[in-house]
N, C-alpha and C. Protein backbone atom coordinates (compact mmCIF):
# COMPACT_ATOMS: atom_id res chain seq x y z
N UNK A 1 2.11 -9.94 14.91
CA UNK A 1 2.88 -11.08 14.27
C UNK A 1 4.05 -10.54 13.33
N UNK A 2 5.26 -10.94 13.72
CA UNK A 2 6.51 -10.55 13.04
C UNK A 2 6.49 -11.26 11.67
N UNK A 3 6.18 -10.57 10.64
CA UNK A 3 5.98 -11.29 9.38
C UNK A 3 7.19 -11.25 8.54
N UNK A 4 7.16 -11.97 7.42
CA UNK A 4 8.25 -12.29 6.64
C UNK A 4 8.56 -10.92 5.83
N UNK A 5 7.66 -10.09 5.72
CA UNK A 5 8.06 -8.83 4.91
C UNK A 5 9.10 -7.94 5.67
N UNK A 6 9.24 -8.16 7.05
CA UNK A 6 10.13 -7.56 7.71
C UNK A 6 11.51 -8.23 7.85
N UNK A 7 11.58 -9.43 7.50
CA UNK A 7 12.96 -10.22 7.70
C UNK A 7 14.07 -9.67 6.89
N UNK A 8 14.00 -9.20 5.68
CA UNK A 8 15.12 -8.81 4.82
C UNK A 8 15.39 -7.21 5.01
N UNK A 9 14.77 -6.78 5.85
CA UNK A 9 15.06 -5.24 6.14
C UNK A 9 16.02 -4.97 7.12
N UNK A 10 16.83 -3.97 7.00
CA UNK A 10 17.69 -3.61 8.07
C UNK A 10 16.98 -2.92 9.13
N UNK A 11 17.32 -3.11 10.44
CA UNK A 11 16.74 -2.56 11.53
C UNK A 11 16.73 -1.12 11.42
N UNK A 12 17.72 -0.40 10.99
CA UNK A 12 17.59 1.11 11.01
C UNK A 12 16.60 1.55 10.00
N UNK A 13 16.21 0.86 9.07
CA UNK A 13 15.10 1.24 8.14
C UNK A 13 13.69 0.98 8.51
N UNK A 14 13.55 0.30 9.69
CA UNK A 14 12.16 -0.05 10.07
C UNK A 14 11.56 1.23 10.60
N UNK A 15 10.27 1.29 10.43
CA UNK A 15 9.42 2.32 11.07
C UNK A 15 9.23 2.07 12.48
N UNK A 16 8.85 3.12 13.19
CA UNK A 16 8.70 2.92 14.68
C UNK A 16 7.62 1.81 14.95
N UNK A 17 6.55 1.81 14.03
CA UNK A 17 5.49 0.76 14.15
C UNK A 17 6.09 -0.54 13.97
N UNK A 18 6.92 -0.81 12.98
CA UNK A 18 7.47 -2.15 12.86
C UNK A 18 8.35 -2.51 14.02
N UNK A 19 9.08 -1.58 14.59
CA UNK A 19 9.96 -1.82 15.71
C UNK A 19 8.97 -2.29 16.98
N UNK A 20 7.90 -1.61 17.10
CA UNK A 20 6.92 -1.97 18.21
C UNK A 20 6.45 -3.35 17.79
N UNK A 21 6.03 -3.60 16.45
CA UNK A 21 5.56 -4.94 16.11
C UNK A 21 6.56 -6.01 16.49
N UNK A 22 7.87 -5.87 16.37
CA UNK A 22 8.89 -6.85 16.67
C UNK A 22 8.88 -7.01 18.24
N UNK A 23 8.86 -5.87 18.93
CA UNK A 23 9.05 -5.87 20.33
C UNK A 23 7.94 -6.75 20.84
N UNK A 24 6.56 -6.43 20.37
CA UNK A 24 5.41 -7.09 20.87
C UNK A 24 4.99 -8.45 20.43
N UNK A 25 5.59 -8.90 19.25
CA UNK A 25 5.27 -10.18 18.60
C UNK A 25 6.36 -11.25 18.39
N UNK A 26 7.50 -10.66 18.45
CA UNK A 26 8.59 -11.58 17.93
C UNK A 26 8.99 -12.56 19.11
N UNK A 27 9.32 -13.84 18.84
CA UNK A 27 9.83 -14.73 19.77
C UNK A 27 11.25 -14.79 20.05
N UNK A 28 11.91 -14.17 19.17
CA UNK A 28 13.38 -14.17 19.14
C UNK A 28 13.95 -12.91 19.94
N UNK A 29 14.58 -13.32 21.11
CA UNK A 29 15.06 -12.37 22.07
C UNK A 29 16.11 -11.44 21.31
N UNK A 30 16.91 -11.85 20.44
CA UNK A 30 17.84 -11.04 19.77
C UNK A 30 17.18 -10.00 18.90
N UNK A 31 16.12 -10.34 18.21
CA UNK A 31 15.31 -9.24 17.48
C UNK A 31 14.65 -8.27 18.34
N UNK A 32 14.11 -8.69 19.43
CA UNK A 32 13.53 -7.84 20.41
C UNK A 32 14.60 -6.81 20.89
N UNK A 33 15.79 -7.41 21.38
CA UNK A 33 16.84 -6.52 21.79
C UNK A 33 17.22 -5.67 20.81
N UNK A 34 17.46 -5.86 19.51
CA UNK A 34 17.75 -4.97 18.46
C UNK A 34 16.77 -3.80 18.33
N UNK A 35 15.51 -4.20 18.24
CA UNK A 35 14.34 -3.25 18.02
C UNK A 35 14.45 -2.28 19.20
N UNK A 36 14.59 -2.82 20.38
CA UNK A 36 14.59 -1.83 21.61
C UNK A 36 15.87 -1.03 21.56
N UNK A 37 16.93 -1.56 21.04
CA UNK A 37 18.17 -0.66 20.98
C UNK A 37 18.01 0.42 19.97
N UNK A 38 17.23 0.01 18.86
CA UNK A 38 17.05 1.08 17.79
C UNK A 38 16.13 2.16 18.18
N UNK A 39 15.12 1.69 18.99
CA UNK A 39 14.19 2.70 19.58
C UNK A 39 14.88 3.83 20.39
N UNK A 40 15.82 3.25 21.30
CA UNK A 40 16.58 4.12 22.12
C UNK A 40 17.48 5.04 21.32
N UNK A 41 18.10 4.37 20.29
CA UNK A 41 18.99 5.15 19.57
C UNK A 41 18.29 6.36 18.80
N UNK A 42 17.00 6.18 18.54
CA UNK A 42 16.28 7.36 17.95
C UNK A 42 16.00 8.53 18.85
N UNK A 43 16.33 8.49 20.14
CA UNK A 43 16.14 9.47 21.05
C UNK A 43 14.74 10.08 21.00
N UNK A 44 13.67 9.41 21.08
CA UNK A 44 12.47 9.91 21.22
C UNK A 44 11.99 10.49 22.56
N UNK A 45 11.47 11.64 22.66
CA UNK A 45 11.07 12.17 23.94
C UNK A 45 9.79 11.45 24.33
N UNK A 46 9.32 11.86 25.53
CA UNK A 46 8.17 11.24 26.04
C UNK A 46 6.94 11.33 25.11
N UNK A 47 6.64 12.65 24.78
CA UNK A 47 5.37 12.91 23.96
C UNK A 47 5.49 12.11 22.58
N UNK A 48 6.66 12.12 22.03
CA UNK A 48 6.89 11.29 20.61
C UNK A 48 6.66 9.85 21.01
N UNK A 49 7.03 9.40 22.09
CA UNK A 49 6.98 7.95 22.27
C UNK A 49 5.45 7.69 22.62
N UNK A 50 4.73 8.45 23.30
CA UNK A 50 3.27 8.26 23.61
C UNK A 50 2.61 8.31 22.14
N UNK A 51 2.90 9.19 21.32
CA UNK A 51 2.29 9.42 20.05
C UNK A 51 2.48 8.24 19.19
N UNK A 52 3.92 7.69 19.39
CA UNK A 52 4.23 6.50 18.52
C UNK A 52 3.44 5.34 19.00
N UNK A 53 3.30 5.02 20.35
CA UNK A 53 2.49 3.99 20.88
C UNK A 53 0.99 4.08 20.39
N UNK A 54 0.50 5.24 20.43
CA UNK A 54 -0.94 5.53 19.95
C UNK A 54 -0.93 5.10 18.45
N UNK A 55 0.01 5.46 17.75
CA UNK A 55 -0.14 5.30 16.27
C UNK A 55 0.06 3.74 16.13
N UNK A 56 0.92 2.90 16.90
CA UNK A 56 1.06 1.58 16.84
C UNK A 56 -0.33 0.86 17.20
N UNK A 57 -1.04 1.35 18.19
CA UNK A 57 -2.30 0.75 18.56
C UNK A 57 -3.25 0.92 17.33
N UNK A 58 -3.24 2.05 16.72
CA UNK A 58 -4.20 2.18 15.46
C UNK A 58 -3.76 1.18 14.34
N UNK A 59 -2.37 1.05 14.22
CA UNK A 59 -1.76 0.08 13.35
C UNK A 59 -2.21 -1.30 13.57
N UNK A 60 -2.19 -1.66 14.87
CA UNK A 60 -2.59 -3.05 15.23
C UNK A 60 -4.06 -3.23 14.84
N UNK A 61 -5.05 -2.25 15.13
CA UNK A 61 -6.48 -2.27 14.93
C UNK A 61 -6.58 -2.58 13.40
N UNK A 62 -5.85 -1.70 12.46
CA UNK A 62 -5.81 -1.87 11.10
C UNK A 62 -5.43 -3.28 10.62
N UNK A 63 -4.41 -3.91 11.20
CA UNK A 63 -3.96 -5.27 10.99
C UNK A 63 -5.19 -6.15 11.29
N UNK A 64 -5.65 -6.01 12.39
CA UNK A 64 -6.91 -6.90 12.91
C UNK A 64 -8.05 -6.81 11.90
N UNK A 65 -8.31 -5.62 11.38
CA UNK A 65 -9.49 -5.44 10.43
C UNK A 65 -9.11 -6.00 9.07
N UNK A 66 -7.75 -6.13 8.72
CA UNK A 66 -7.55 -6.70 7.57
C UNK A 66 -7.93 -8.29 7.44
N UNK A 67 -7.84 -8.94 8.72
CA UNK A 67 -8.12 -10.29 8.76
C UNK A 67 -9.53 -10.58 8.24
N UNK A 68 -10.43 -9.66 8.57
CA UNK A 68 -11.86 -9.88 8.26
C UNK A 68 -12.45 -9.05 7.12
N UNK A 69 -11.67 -8.30 6.45
CA UNK A 69 -12.03 -7.55 5.31
C UNK A 69 -12.35 -8.46 4.16
N UNK A 70 -13.59 -8.23 3.60
CA UNK A 70 -14.04 -9.01 2.50
C UNK A 70 -13.46 -8.65 1.04
N UNK A 71 -13.45 -9.42 0.17
CA UNK A 71 -13.29 -8.96 -1.30
C UNK A 71 -14.27 -7.91 -1.58
N UNK A 72 -13.73 -6.90 -2.43
CA UNK A 72 -14.70 -6.16 -3.08
C UNK A 72 -15.24 -6.77 -4.18
N UNK A 73 -16.27 -6.19 -4.84
CA UNK A 73 -17.02 -6.82 -6.04
C UNK A 73 -16.01 -7.07 -7.16
N UNK A 74 -15.24 -6.07 -7.39
CA UNK A 74 -14.24 -6.14 -8.64
C UNK A 74 -13.19 -7.20 -8.37
N UNK A 75 -12.79 -7.32 -7.08
CA UNK A 75 -11.78 -8.28 -6.91
C UNK A 75 -12.41 -9.80 -6.94
N UNK A 76 -13.63 -9.80 -6.52
CA UNK A 76 -14.27 -11.10 -6.61
C UNK A 76 -14.53 -11.52 -8.05
N UNK A 77 -15.02 -10.50 -8.75
CA UNK A 77 -15.26 -10.66 -10.21
C UNK A 77 -14.13 -11.00 -10.92
N UNK A 78 -12.88 -10.51 -10.54
CA UNK A 78 -11.69 -10.81 -11.44
C UNK A 78 -11.12 -12.27 -11.23
N UNK A 79 -11.39 -12.72 -9.78
CA UNK A 79 -10.94 -14.07 -9.34
C UNK A 79 -11.91 -14.98 -10.14
N UNK A 80 -13.22 -14.66 -10.22
CA UNK A 80 -14.26 -15.45 -10.73
C UNK A 80 -14.22 -15.68 -12.32
N UNK A 81 -13.76 -14.71 -13.07
CA UNK A 81 -13.74 -14.78 -14.53
C UNK A 81 -12.21 -14.97 -15.07
N UNK A 82 -11.17 -14.55 -14.33
CA UNK A 82 -9.98 -14.85 -14.91
C UNK A 82 -9.47 -16.20 -14.45
N UNK A 83 -9.68 -17.10 -15.20
CA UNK A 83 -9.37 -18.44 -14.84
C UNK A 83 -7.97 -18.89 -15.39
N UNK A 84 -7.70 -18.34 -16.50
CA UNK A 84 -6.31 -18.58 -17.23
C UNK A 84 -5.26 -17.76 -16.59
N UNK A 85 -4.06 -18.39 -16.62
CA UNK A 85 -3.04 -17.65 -15.99
C UNK A 85 -2.76 -16.53 -16.85
N UNK A 86 -2.63 -15.29 -16.30
CA UNK A 86 -2.49 -14.07 -17.06
C UNK A 86 -1.10 -13.44 -16.55
N UNK A 87 -0.22 -13.28 -17.50
CA UNK A 87 1.07 -12.49 -16.99
C UNK A 87 0.85 -11.02 -17.09
N UNK A 88 1.44 -10.41 -16.13
CA UNK A 88 1.46 -8.91 -16.24
C UNK A 88 2.30 -8.49 -17.33
N UNK A 89 1.95 -7.38 -17.97
CA UNK A 89 2.85 -6.88 -19.04
C UNK A 89 4.25 -6.49 -18.78
N UNK A 90 4.32 -6.07 -17.56
CA UNK A 90 5.77 -5.61 -17.23
C UNK A 90 6.53 -6.78 -16.56
N UNK A 91 6.12 -7.81 -16.45
CA UNK A 91 6.82 -8.98 -15.76
C UNK A 91 6.25 -10.24 -16.28
N UNK A 92 7.04 -10.77 -17.20
CA UNK A 92 6.41 -12.10 -17.69
C UNK A 92 6.42 -13.41 -16.78
N UNK A 93 7.11 -13.06 -15.68
CA UNK A 93 7.17 -14.19 -14.73
C UNK A 93 6.13 -14.15 -13.54
N UNK A 94 5.40 -12.99 -13.63
CA UNK A 94 4.53 -12.79 -12.42
C UNK A 94 2.98 -12.89 -12.96
N UNK A 95 2.16 -13.87 -12.44
CA UNK A 95 0.80 -14.05 -12.66
C UNK A 95 -0.03 -13.19 -11.83
N UNK A 96 -0.99 -12.54 -12.45
CA UNK A 96 -1.94 -11.69 -11.62
C UNK A 96 -2.59 -12.38 -10.51
N UNK A 97 -3.10 -13.60 -10.70
CA UNK A 97 -3.91 -14.29 -9.62
C UNK A 97 -2.81 -14.75 -8.43
N UNK A 98 -1.76 -15.23 -8.80
CA UNK A 98 -0.64 -15.76 -7.80
C UNK A 98 -0.15 -14.56 -7.05
N UNK A 99 0.04 -13.49 -7.90
CA UNK A 99 0.58 -12.22 -7.09
C UNK A 99 -0.39 -11.63 -5.99
N UNK A 100 -1.61 -11.78 -6.39
CA UNK A 100 -2.81 -11.16 -5.56
C UNK A 100 -2.76 -12.09 -4.37
N UNK A 101 -2.89 -13.37 -4.62
CA UNK A 101 -3.06 -14.30 -3.48
C UNK A 101 -1.75 -14.30 -2.64
N UNK A 102 -0.64 -14.05 -3.13
CA UNK A 102 0.54 -13.90 -2.33
C UNK A 102 0.46 -12.59 -1.53
N UNK A 103 -0.15 -11.55 -2.06
CA UNK A 103 -0.16 -10.31 -1.41
C UNK A 103 -1.27 -10.37 -0.25
N UNK A 104 -2.40 -11.05 -0.58
CA UNK A 104 -3.38 -11.30 0.63
C UNK A 104 -2.66 -12.20 1.67
N UNK A 105 -1.97 -13.10 1.42
CA UNK A 105 -1.25 -13.96 2.36
C UNK A 105 -0.24 -13.26 3.24
N UNK A 106 0.56 -12.45 2.46
CA UNK A 106 1.69 -11.65 3.16
C UNK A 106 1.22 -10.69 4.08
N UNK A 107 0.18 -9.85 3.68
CA UNK A 107 -0.27 -8.75 4.47
C UNK A 107 -1.46 -9.02 5.35
N UNK A 108 -1.74 -10.35 5.52
CA UNK A 108 -2.77 -10.71 6.55
C UNK A 108 -4.23 -10.65 6.11
N UNK A 109 -4.47 -10.54 4.94
CA UNK A 109 -5.86 -10.46 4.43
C UNK A 109 -6.45 -11.82 4.32
N UNK A 110 -6.69 -12.39 5.61
CA UNK A 110 -7.26 -13.78 5.53
C UNK A 110 -8.53 -14.03 4.89
N UNK A 111 -9.46 -13.27 5.17
CA UNK A 111 -10.85 -13.37 4.59
C UNK A 111 -10.78 -13.27 3.17
N UNK A 112 -9.99 -12.31 2.65
CA UNK A 112 -9.80 -12.07 1.15
C UNK A 112 -9.28 -13.22 0.53
N UNK A 113 -8.24 -13.86 1.20
CA UNK A 113 -7.55 -14.95 0.59
C UNK A 113 -8.48 -16.08 0.46
N UNK A 114 -9.22 -16.46 1.37
CA UNK A 114 -10.28 -17.47 1.39
C UNK A 114 -11.15 -17.19 0.28
N UNK A 115 -11.73 -16.07 0.24
CA UNK A 115 -12.86 -15.66 -0.73
C UNK A 115 -12.19 -15.73 -2.07
N UNK A 116 -11.04 -15.16 -2.36
CA UNK A 116 -10.45 -15.33 -3.66
C UNK A 116 -10.45 -16.69 -4.20
N UNK A 117 -9.94 -17.54 -3.34
CA UNK A 117 -9.89 -18.95 -3.73
C UNK A 117 -11.16 -19.64 -3.95
N UNK A 118 -12.25 -19.18 -3.28
CA UNK A 118 -13.52 -19.64 -3.44
C UNK A 118 -14.13 -19.14 -4.73
N UNK A 119 -13.86 -17.98 -5.05
CA UNK A 119 -14.38 -17.34 -6.38
C UNK A 119 -13.75 -18.00 -7.44
N UNK A 120 -12.47 -18.25 -7.40
CA UNK A 120 -11.60 -18.86 -8.54
C UNK A 120 -12.39 -20.38 -8.66
N UNK A 121 -12.51 -21.10 -7.65
CA UNK A 121 -13.00 -22.47 -7.85
C UNK A 121 -14.52 -22.38 -8.37
N UNK A 122 -15.37 -21.47 -7.81
CA UNK A 122 -16.71 -21.19 -8.42
C UNK A 122 -16.75 -20.93 -9.88
N UNK A 123 -15.64 -20.10 -10.25
CA UNK A 123 -15.52 -19.77 -11.70
C UNK A 123 -15.26 -20.95 -12.48
N UNK A 124 -14.39 -21.82 -12.07
CA UNK A 124 -14.09 -23.01 -12.79
C UNK A 124 -15.46 -23.89 -12.78
N UNK A 125 -16.00 -24.08 -11.71
CA UNK A 125 -17.35 -24.79 -11.84
C UNK A 125 -18.37 -24.18 -12.82
N UNK A 126 -18.47 -22.99 -12.66
CA UNK A 126 -19.40 -22.19 -13.72
C UNK A 126 -19.07 -22.55 -15.01
N UNK A 127 -17.84 -22.38 -15.50
CA UNK A 127 -17.47 -22.60 -16.86
C UNK A 127 -17.56 -24.15 -17.13
N UNK A 128 -17.29 -25.15 -16.28
CA UNK A 128 -17.55 -26.54 -16.53
C UNK A 128 -18.91 -26.85 -16.85
N UNK A 129 -19.77 -26.10 -16.16
CA UNK A 129 -21.21 -26.26 -16.28
C UNK A 129 -21.81 -25.62 -17.51
N UNK A 130 -21.24 -24.41 -17.81
CA UNK A 130 -21.85 -23.58 -18.95
C UNK A 130 -21.28 -24.16 -20.34
N UNK A 131 -20.11 -24.60 -20.32
CA UNK A 131 -19.53 -24.99 -21.59
C UNK A 131 -20.30 -26.10 -22.37
N UNK A 132 -20.72 -27.28 -21.65
CA UNK A 132 -21.56 -28.20 -22.50
C UNK A 132 -22.83 -27.66 -22.93
N UNK A 133 -23.54 -26.63 -22.17
CA UNK A 133 -24.73 -25.94 -22.58
C UNK A 133 -24.42 -25.19 -23.73
N UNK A 134 -23.39 -24.49 -23.92
CA UNK A 134 -22.98 -23.76 -25.00
C UNK A 134 -22.80 -24.64 -26.32
N UNK A 135 -21.93 -25.84 -26.02
CA UNK A 135 -21.80 -26.70 -27.19
C UNK A 135 -23.01 -27.31 -27.68
N UNK A 136 -23.99 -27.63 -26.73
CA UNK A 136 -25.14 -28.28 -27.10
C UNK A 136 -26.06 -27.14 -27.85
N UNK A 137 -26.13 -25.92 -27.44
CA UNK A 137 -26.93 -24.96 -28.25
C UNK A 137 -26.18 -24.61 -29.57
N UNK A 138 -24.96 -24.57 -29.64
CA UNK A 138 -24.32 -24.31 -30.86
C UNK A 138 -24.59 -25.49 -31.93
N UNK A 139 -24.54 -26.64 -31.50
CA UNK A 139 -24.85 -27.84 -32.26
C UNK A 139 -26.22 -27.80 -32.83
N UNK A 140 -27.14 -27.59 -31.90
CA UNK A 140 -28.57 -27.50 -32.35
C UNK A 140 -28.99 -26.28 -33.19
N UNK A 141 -28.30 -25.31 -33.07
CA UNK A 141 -28.50 -23.98 -33.79
C UNK A 141 -28.01 -24.12 -35.35
N UNK A 142 -26.93 -24.78 -35.40
CA UNK A 142 -26.26 -24.95 -36.74
C UNK A 142 -26.87 -26.04 -37.60
N UNK A 143 -27.84 -26.88 -37.06
CA UNK A 143 -28.43 -27.82 -37.84
C UNK A 143 -29.58 -27.31 -38.75
């Protein structure tokens, strides 16, 4: 899948894997032609080309594995308990949760994206259930 992370990059700066990705998945013939032209310009000999194709197949497997890779416990934990919008200290306009969800979406972590949203909503539900219990206990303990 020719993703948006490649759109703003100059063709000369693409890795060989990214060029193969464009050739194999792009629907735009102009992009395919540019990628093929760039591959020819690099003057790869036969063994380098075979090696690059093998590397691309491994890259494709990694991309496929990303789709089904689940959240780690620490990632799930952070989405469950960090319900409030938290700004990163180095960028006041960048929210942790939004940036992580955007990263999951951009780089093809489909399962992680779904699980992160589920953990967030379960966290909200947990706090909506637990808050009245805490208030009830506090009121009865202070009497």
